[in-house]
Amino acid sequence: MKNVLTTIPQKGDLRRWADVEKILQACDSEEDFWTFSCRHFPKESGPGALCFIIHSGYVRGYFTVLEFSEEPVYRSSTNQHDEELIEGKKVKLAIWRPIQPIAQIGFQGWRYTELQG
């Protein structure tokens, strides 16, 4: 099973790393999770794999992949009051683990990676 890499876009409430970091740190259990949307699920990955996260030009840490899901979920903004319904295919992630930043240019979607936790 391969690990994956994805980028958190620097827009809206997710523009500043300090704001994003607060949200990710709260994703410390399967009940408090992060998701990213995708057109196609990673065929060579799955639950238990790691998903490394890029923000502002650096890999900042990783999550454990919980599941691939098409169930709608609500995602909170940085102010924890406004919720947005996210539908479609998504990868559900939990238990944020920060790492020493590694330079990496962001991209849309996901890619397989050789990075290990």
Protein backbone atom coordinates (compact mmCIF):
# COMPACT_ATOMS: atom_id res chain seq x y z
CA MET A 1 0.00 0.00 0.00
CA LYS A 2 1.40 3.37 -1.03
CA ASN A 3 1.35 6.64 0.89
CA VAL A 4 -0.15 9.73 -0.75
CA LEU A 5 0.60 13.44 -0.87
CA THR A 6 -1.87 16.30 -1.30
CA THR A 7 -1.95 20.09 -1.02
CA ILE A 8 -4.14 22.34 1.10
CA PRO A 9 -4.87 25.36 -1.14
CA GLN A 10 -3.86 28.74 0.27
CA LYS A 11 -7.20 30.49 -0.07
CA GLY A 12 -9.90 31.88 2.20
CA ASP A 13 -9.62 30.68 5.78
CA LEU A 14 -6.75 28.40 4.75
CA ARG A 15 -4.41 31.12 3.50
CA ARG A 16 -2.13 31.29 6.56
CA TRP A 17 -0.27 28.26 7.88
CA ALA A 18 -0.85 29.30 11.52
CA ASP A 19 -4.63 29.09 10.98
CA VAL A 20 -4.43 25.77 9.14
CA GLU A 21 -2.13 24.30 11.78
CA LYS A 22 -4.72 24.99 14.51
CA ILE A 23 -7.36 23.08 12.53
CA LEU A 24 -5.04 20.15 11.79
CA GLN A 25 -3.95 19.86 15.42
CA ALA A 26 -7.62 19.41 16.36
CA CYS A 27 -7.84 16.39 14.01
CA ASP A 28 -6.56 14.02 16.67
CA SER A 29 -9.17 11.25 16.57
CA GLU A 30 -11.45 9.46 14.14
CA GLU A 31 -14.31 11.73 15.25
CA ASP A 32 -12.30 14.90 14.48
CA PHE A 33 -11.06 14.25 10.96
CA TRP A 34 -9.87 16.10 7.85
CA THR A 35 -10.95 15.27 4.30
CA PHE A 36 -9.78 16.10 0.83
CA SER A 37 -11.90 15.74 -2.29
CA CYS A 38 -10.76 13.81 -5.33
CA ARG A 39 -12.04 12.73 -8.73
CA HIS A 40 -10.66 9.21 -8.35
CA PHE A 41 -9.64 7.28 -5.25
CA PRO A 42 -5.97 6.23 -5.06
CA LYS A 43 -6.10 2.60 -6.25
CA GLU A 44 -2.74 1.66 -4.72
CA SER A 45 -3.51 3.16 -1.31
CA GLY A 46 -6.15 2.71 1.35
CA PRO A 47 -6.99 2.70 5.06
CA GLY A 48 -3.86 2.65 7.20
CA ALA A 49 -1.68 4.39 4.61
CA LEU A 50 -0.25 7.84 5.35
CA CYS A 51 -1.29 11.07 3.64
CA PHE A 52 1.32 13.82 3.69
CA ILE A 53 0.09 17.41 3.54
CA ILE A 54 1.65 20.34 1.65
CA HIS A 55 0.91 23.94 2.60
CA SER A 56 2.75 27.11 1.53
CA GLY A 57 5.54 25.25 -0.25
CA TYR A 58 6.33 22.65 2.43
CA VAL A 59 5.24 19.20 3.48
CA ARG A 60 4.10 19.99 7.03
CA GLY A 61 3.05 16.60 8.41
CA TYR A 62 0.84 13.63 7.77
CA PHE A 63 -2.40 11.89 8.66
CA THR A 64 -3.47 8.26 8.69
CA VAL A 65 -5.98 7.42 5.96
CA LEU A 66 -9.21 6.24 7.62
CA GLU A 67 -11.30 5.47 4.57
CA PHE A 68 -12.39 6.44 1.10
CA SER A 69 -15.93 7.78 1.23
CA GLU A 70 -18.68 9.21 -0.91
CA GLU A 71 -20.82 10.11 2.12
CA PRO A 72 -21.48 13.86 2.51
CA VAL A 73 -19.64 15.50 5.43
CA TYR A 74 -19.66 18.93 7.00
CA ARG A 75 -16.37 20.77 7.29
CA SER A 76 -15.87 23.64 9.73
CA SER A 77 -14.01 26.83 8.89
CA THR A 78 -11.24 28.29 11.04
CA ASN A 79 -13.77 30.18 13.13
CA GLN A 80 -15.43 26.82 13.95
CA HIS A 81 -18.90 28.35 13.33
CA ASP A 82 -19.44 28.24 9.56
CA GLU A 83 -19.89 24.74 8.18
CA GLU A 84 -19.76 23.73 4.53
CA LEU A 85 -21.30 20.55 3.11
CA ILE A 86 -18.72 18.57 1.12
CA GLU A 87 -20.14 15.99 -1.29
CA GLY A 88 -18.54 13.57 -3.74
CA LYS A 89 -15.49 11.35 -3.44
CA LYS A 90 -13.20 12.17 -0.56
CA VAL A 91 -10.36 10.69 1.44
CA LYS A 92 -11.02 10.80 5.18
CA LEU A 93 -7.92 11.40 7.35
CA ALA A 94 -7.23 11.54 11.09
CA ILE A 95 -4.52 11.84 13.74
CA TRP A 96 -2.35 14.74 12.56
CA ARG A 97 1.40 14.34 13.06
CA PRO A 98 3.61 17.35 12.27
CA ILE A 99 7.10 16.88 10.85
CA GLN A 100 10.11 19.08 10.17
CA PRO A 101 9.03 20.96 7.00
CA ILE A 102 10.27 19.58 3.68
CA ALA A 103 10.27 21.90 0.64
CA GLN A 104 7.68 20.75 -1.92
CA ILE A 105 5.74 22.62 -4.59
CA GLY A 106 1.99 22.20 -4.20
CA PHE A 107 -0.33 20.77 -6.86
CA GLN A 108 -3.98 19.92 -7.41
CA GLY A 109 -5.23 16.45 -6.56
CA TRP A 110 -3.05 13.77 -4.98
CA ARG A 111 0.09 11.83 -5.85
CA TYR A 112 1.79 8.73 -4.52
CA THR A 113 4.87 9.42 -2.42
CA GLU A 114 7.88 7.57 -1.05
CA LEU A 115 7.71 9.63 2.16
CA GLN A 116 7.41 7.58 5.35
CA GLY A 117 6.26 8.52 8.85
